[in-house]
């Protein structure tokens, strides 16, 4: 059975979409090919790498891509926006490449301020929310096909 493509879309493709891509690869690799992109790619945030390392997922080989550069390369079963800005500003040409569009809103940890410990706590919280959402969503999909 061919894997279905999923695109996670965020504003900067530096945190939330990177985490979602990594978790879908980790938990749904047998069913999905996961990709991520940003409306304005800003590079993978170093705190994102640290937060994912803590749960045993190395994302150092993931790249921060602009949706305009990768969007037209394939057809997506799902396009999932993970921030309000991407949800409201997703280019219609990208949406046309997907069969279903979903929106999962997560706060932006890249906007966190404070000490290193304060910032990491916020990254961890969002990471855990994204991981839970991926697991729940995969469970729902499995239940639908059962």
C-alpha atoms as a PDB file:
ATOM      1  CA  UNK A   1       0.000   0.000   0.000  1.00  0.00           C
ATOM      2  CA  UNK A   2       1.402   3.407  -0.978  1.00  0.00           C
ATOM      3  CA  UNK A   3       2.047   5.916   1.753  1.00  0.00           C
ATOM      4  CA  UNK A   4      -0.011   9.092   1.767  1.00  0.00           C
ATOM      5  CA  UNK A   5       1.708  12.480   1.841  1.00  0.00           C
ATOM      6  CA  UNK A   6       1.034  14.923   4.669  1.00  0.00           C
ATOM      7  CA  UNK A   7       2.224  18.534   4.682  1.00  0.00           C
ATOM      8  CA  UNK A   8       2.451  20.461   7.950  1.00  0.00           C
ATOM      9  CA  UNK A   9       2.383  24.177   7.313  1.00  0.00           C
ATOM     10  CA  UNK A  10       3.401  26.963   9.676  1.00  0.00           C
ATOM     11  CA  UNK A  11       4.617  30.527   9.344  1.00  0.00           C
ATOM     12  CA  UNK A  12       8.363  29.985   9.766  1.00  0.00           C
ATOM     13  CA  UNK A  13       8.785  26.189   9.594  1.00  0.00           C
ATOM     14  CA  UNK A  14      11.093  26.472  12.573  1.00  0.00           C
ATOM     15  CA  UNK A  15       9.212  24.812  15.456  1.00  0.00           C
ATOM     16  CA  UNK A  16       5.627  23.506  15.298  1.00  0.00           C
ATOM     17  CA  UNK A  17       5.582  22.140  11.774  1.00  0.00           C
ATOM     18  CA  UNK A  18       9.052  20.635  12.316  1.00  0.00           C
ATOM     19  CA  UNK A  19       7.846  18.847  15.453  1.00  0.00           C
ATOM     20  CA  UNK A  20       4.668  17.624  13.757  1.00  0.00           C
ATOM     21  CA  UNK A  21       6.643  16.296  10.794  1.00  0.00           C
ATOM     22  CA  UNK A  22       9.021  14.440  13.121  1.00  0.00           C
ATOM     23  CA  UNK A  23       6.262  12.947  15.255  1.00  0.00           C
ATOM     24  CA  UNK A  24       4.287  11.766  12.224  1.00  0.00           C
ATOM     25  CA  UNK A  25       7.429  10.147  10.844  1.00  0.00           C
ATOM     26  CA  UNK A  26       7.991   8.505  14.217  1.00  0.00           C
ATOM     27  CA  UNK A  27       4.453   7.249  14.848  1.00  0.00           C
ATOM     28  CA  UNK A  28       2.954   6.982  11.363  1.00  0.00           C
ATOM     29  CA  UNK A  29       5.886   6.139   9.148  1.00  0.00           C
ATOM     30  CA  UNK A  30       4.250   2.952   7.883  1.00  0.00           C
ATOM     31  CA  UNK A  31       1.242   4.911   6.619  1.00  0.00           C
ATOM     32  CA  UNK A  32       2.441   8.449   5.819  1.00  0.00           C
ATOM     33  CA  UNK A  33       5.259  10.439   4.270  1.00  0.00           C
ATOM     34  CA  UNK A  34       5.553  13.593   6.383  1.00  0.00           C
ATOM     35  CA  UNK A  35       6.733  16.975   5.119  1.00  0.00           C
ATOM     36  CA  UNK A  36       6.740  20.473   6.542  1.00  0.00           C
ATOM     37  CA  UNK A  37       7.074  23.966   5.155  1.00  0.00           C
ATOM     38  CA  UNK A  38       6.633  27.581   6.113  1.00  0.00           C
ATOM     39  CA  UNK A  39       5.123  30.623   4.525  1.00  0.00           C
ATOM     40  CA  UNK A  40       8.470  32.317   5.267  1.00  0.00           C
ATOM     41  CA  UNK A  41      10.983  29.588   6.191  1.00  0.00           C
ATOM     42  CA  UNK A  42      13.295  30.766   8.974  1.00  0.00           C
ATOM     43  CA  UNK A  43      15.483  27.748   9.716  1.00  0.00           C
ATOM     44  CA  UNK A  44      15.022  25.092  12.371  1.00  0.00           C
ATOM     45  CA  UNK A  45      15.057  26.690  15.822  1.00  0.00           C
ATOM     46  CA  UNK A  46      17.842  25.274  18.037  1.00  0.00           C
ATOM     47  CA  UNK A  47      15.352  24.874  20.898  1.00  0.00           C
ATOM     48  CA  UNK A  48      13.269  22.662  18.613  1.00  0.00           C
ATOM     49  CA  UNK A  49      16.235  20.354  18.116  1.00  0.00           C
ATOM     50  CA  UNK A  50      16.886  20.257  21.870  1.00  0.00           C
ATOM     51  CA  UNK A  51      13.238  19.571  22.733  1.00  0.00           C
ATOM     52  CA  UNK A  52      13.002  16.737  20.223  1.00  0.00           C
ATOM     53  CA  UNK A  53      16.332  15.277  21.379  1.00  0.00           C
ATOM     54  CA  UNK A  54      14.799  14.968  24.845  1.00  0.00           C
ATOM     55  CA  UNK A  55      12.231  12.506  23.491  1.00  0.00           C
ATOM     56  CA  UNK A  56      14.749  10.596  21.414  1.00  0.00           C
ATOM     57  CA  UNK A  57      13.908  12.044  17.992  1.00  0.00           C
ATOM     58  CA  UNK A  58      16.785  13.573  16.041  1.00  0.00           C
ATOM     59  CA  UNK A  59      15.606  16.221  13.582  1.00  0.00           C
ATOM     60  CA  UNK A  60      19.019  17.562  12.591  1.00  0.00           C
ATOM     61  CA  UNK A  61      18.513  16.345   9.015  1.00  0.00           C
ATOM     62  CA  UNK A  62      15.152  18.075   8.606  1.00  0.00           C
ATOM     63  CA  UNK A  63      15.226  21.286   6.605  1.00  0.00           C
ATOM     64  CA  UNK A  64      13.251  24.482   6.906  1.00  0.00           C
ATOM     65  CA  UNK A  65      11.547  24.916   3.551  1.00  0.00           C
ATOM     66  CA  UNK A  66       9.449  27.613   1.960  1.00  0.00           C
ATOM     67  CA  UNK A  67       6.051  26.301   0.912  1.00  0.00           C
ATOM     68  CA  UNK A  68       6.435  27.909  -2.498  1.00  0.00           C
ATOM     69  CA  UNK A  69       9.530  25.813  -3.147  1.00  0.00           C
ATOM     70  CA  UNK A  70       8.210  22.407  -2.077  1.00  0.00           C
ATOM     71  CA  UNK A  71       4.456  22.700  -2.369  1.00  0.00           C
ATOM     72  CA  UNK A  72       4.064  21.813  -6.013  1.00  0.00           C
ATOM     73  CA  UNK A  73       6.366  18.820  -5.926  1.00  0.00           C
ATOM     74  CA  UNK A  74       3.674  16.339  -4.849  1.00  0.00           C
ATOM     75  CA  UNK A  75       0.018  15.817  -4.037  1.00  0.00           C
ATOM     76  CA  UNK A  76      -0.917  15.717  -0.342  1.00  0.00           C
ATOM     77  CA  UNK A  77      -3.634  13.633   1.273  1.00  0.00           C
ATOM     78  CA  UNK A  78      -3.660  16.131   4.141  1.00  0.00           C
ATOM     79  CA  UNK A  79      -2.446  19.691   4.488  1.00  0.00           C
ATOM     80  CA  UNK A  80      -2.376  20.552   8.177  1.00  0.00           C
ATOM     81  CA  UNK A  81      -1.797  24.107   9.330  1.00  0.00           C
ATOM     82  CA  UNK A  82      -0.392  24.389  12.851  1.00  0.00           C
ATOM     83  CA  UNK A  83      -0.730  28.126  13.418  1.00  0.00           C
ATOM     84  CA  UNK A  84      -3.441  30.689  12.776  1.00  0.00           C
ATOM     85  CA  UNK A  85      -1.295  32.790  10.440  1.00  0.00           C
ATOM     86  CA  UNK A  86      -0.598  29.842   8.130  1.00  0.00           C
ATOM     87  CA  UNK A  87      -4.238  28.798   8.301  1.00  0.00           C
ATOM     88  CA  UNK A  88      -5.401  32.238   7.193  1.00  0.00           C
ATOM     89  CA  UNK A  89      -2.664  32.823   4.620  1.00  0.00           C
ATOM     90  CA  UNK A  90      -2.083  29.439   3.022  1.00  0.00           C
ATOM     91  CA  UNK A  91      -1.731  30.018  -0.725  1.00  0.00           C
ATOM     92  CA  UNK A  92      -4.700  28.685  -2.676  1.00  0.00           C
ATOM     93  CA  UNK A  93      -2.318  26.954  -5.070  1.00  0.00           C
ATOM     94  CA  UNK A  94      -0.988  24.883  -2.184  1.00  0.00           C
ATOM     95  CA  UNK A  95      -4.470  24.070  -0.924  1.00  0.00           C
ATOM     96  CA  UNK A  96      -5.325  22.780  -4.391  1.00  0.00           C
ATOM     97  CA  UNK A  97      -2.597  20.147  -3.950  1.00  0.00           C
ATOM     98  CA  UNK A  98      -4.319  18.607  -0.944  1.00  0.00           C
ATOM     99  CA  UNK A  99      -7.377  16.448  -0.586  1.00  0.00           C
ATOM    100  CA  UNK A 100      -8.155  17.512   2.979  1.00  0.00           C
ATOM    101  CA  UNK A 101      -7.113  20.586   4.944  1.00  0.00           C
ATOM    102  CA  UNK A 102      -7.005  20.467   8.712  1.00  0.00           C
ATOM    103  CA  UNK A 103      -6.101  23.163  11.229  1.00  0.00           C
ATOM    104  CA  UNK A 104      -4.443  22.388  14.547  1.00  0.00           C
ATOM    105  CA  UNK A 105      -3.571  25.543  16.452  1.00  0.00           C
ATOM    106  CA  UNK A 106      -0.545  25.530  18.733  1.00  0.00           C
ATOM    107  CA  UNK A 107       0.981  28.558  20.438  1.00  0.00           C
ATOM    108  CA  UNK A 108       4.312  29.742  19.034  1.00  0.00           C
ATOM    109  CA  UNK A 109       7.200  28.733  21.303  1.00  0.00           C
ATOM    110  CA  UNK A 110       9.598  30.751  19.137  1.00  0.00           C
ATOM    111  CA  UNK A 111       8.053  33.850  20.718  1.00  0.00           C
ATOM    112  CA  UNK A 112       9.028  32.675  24.219  1.00  0.00           C
ATOM    113  CA  UNK A 113      11.170  34.917  26.388  1.00  0.00           C
ATOM    114  CA  UNK A 114      12.937  34.510  29.695  1.00  0.00           C
ATOM    115  CA  UNK A 115      15.709  32.267  30.868  1.00  0.00           C
ATOM    116  CA  UNK A 116      16.907  29.243  28.961  1.00  0.00           C
ATOM    117  CA  UNK A 117      14.888  27.078  31.378  1.00  0.00           C
ATOM    118  CA  UNK A 118      11.761  29.205  30.828  1.00  0.00           C
ATOM    119  CA  UNK A 119      12.054  28.939  27.053  1.00  0.00           C
ATOM    120  CA  UNK A 120      12.721  25.197  27.142  1.00  0.00           C
ATOM    121  CA  UNK A 121       9.648  24.693  29.331  1.00  0.00           C
ATOM    122  CA  UNK A 122       7.482  26.351  26.683  1.00  0.00           C
ATOM    123  CA  UNK A 123       9.069  24.323  23.878  1.00  0.00           C
ATOM    124  CA  UNK A 124       8.480  21.133  25.877  1.00  0.00           C
ATOM    125  CA  UNK A 125       4.834  22.010  26.508  1.00  0.00           C
ATOM    126  CA  UNK A 126       4.126  22.628  22.814  1.00  0.00           C
ATOM    127  CA  UNK A 127       6.139  19.539  21.838  1.00  0.00           C
ATOM    128  CA  UNK A 128       4.020  17.419  24.153  1.00  0.00           C
ATOM    129  CA  UNK A 129       0.785  18.937  22.800  1.00  0.00           C
ATOM    130  CA  UNK A 130       1.852  18.164  19.239  1.00  0.00           C
ATOM    131  CA  UNK A 131       2.862  14.621  20.119  1.00  0.00           C
ATOM    132  CA  UNK A 132      -0.497  14.016  21.791  1.00  0.00           C
ATOM    133  CA  UNK A 133      -2.375  15.482  18.813  1.00  0.00           C
ATOM    134  CA  UNK A 134      -0.491  13.245  16.365  1.00  0.00           C
ATOM    135  CA  UNK A 135      -1.197  10.137  18.440  1.00  0.00           C
ATOM    136  CA  UNK A 136      -4.901  10.986  18.840  1.00  0.00           C
ATOM    137  CA  UNK A 137      -5.260  11.777  15.132  1.00  0.00           C
ATOM    138  CA  UNK A 138      -3.596   8.513  14.107  1.00  0.00           C
ATOM    139  CA  UNK A 139      -5.923   6.662  16.484  1.00  0.00           C
ATOM    140  CA  UNK A 140      -8.955   8.380  14.961  1.00  0.00           C
ATOM    141  CA  UNK A 141      -7.816   7.485  11.443  1.00  0.00           C
ATOM    142  CA  UNK A 142      -7.276   3.878  12.473  1.00  0.00           C
ATOM    143  CA  UNK A 143     -10.744   3.723  14.033  1.00  0.00           C
ATOM    144  CA  UNK A 144     -12.306   5.146  10.839  1.00  0.00           C
ATOM    145  CA  UNK A 145     -10.782   2.428   8.711  1.00  0.00           C
ATOM    146  CA  UNK A 146     -11.561  -0.422  11.124  1.00  0.00           C
END
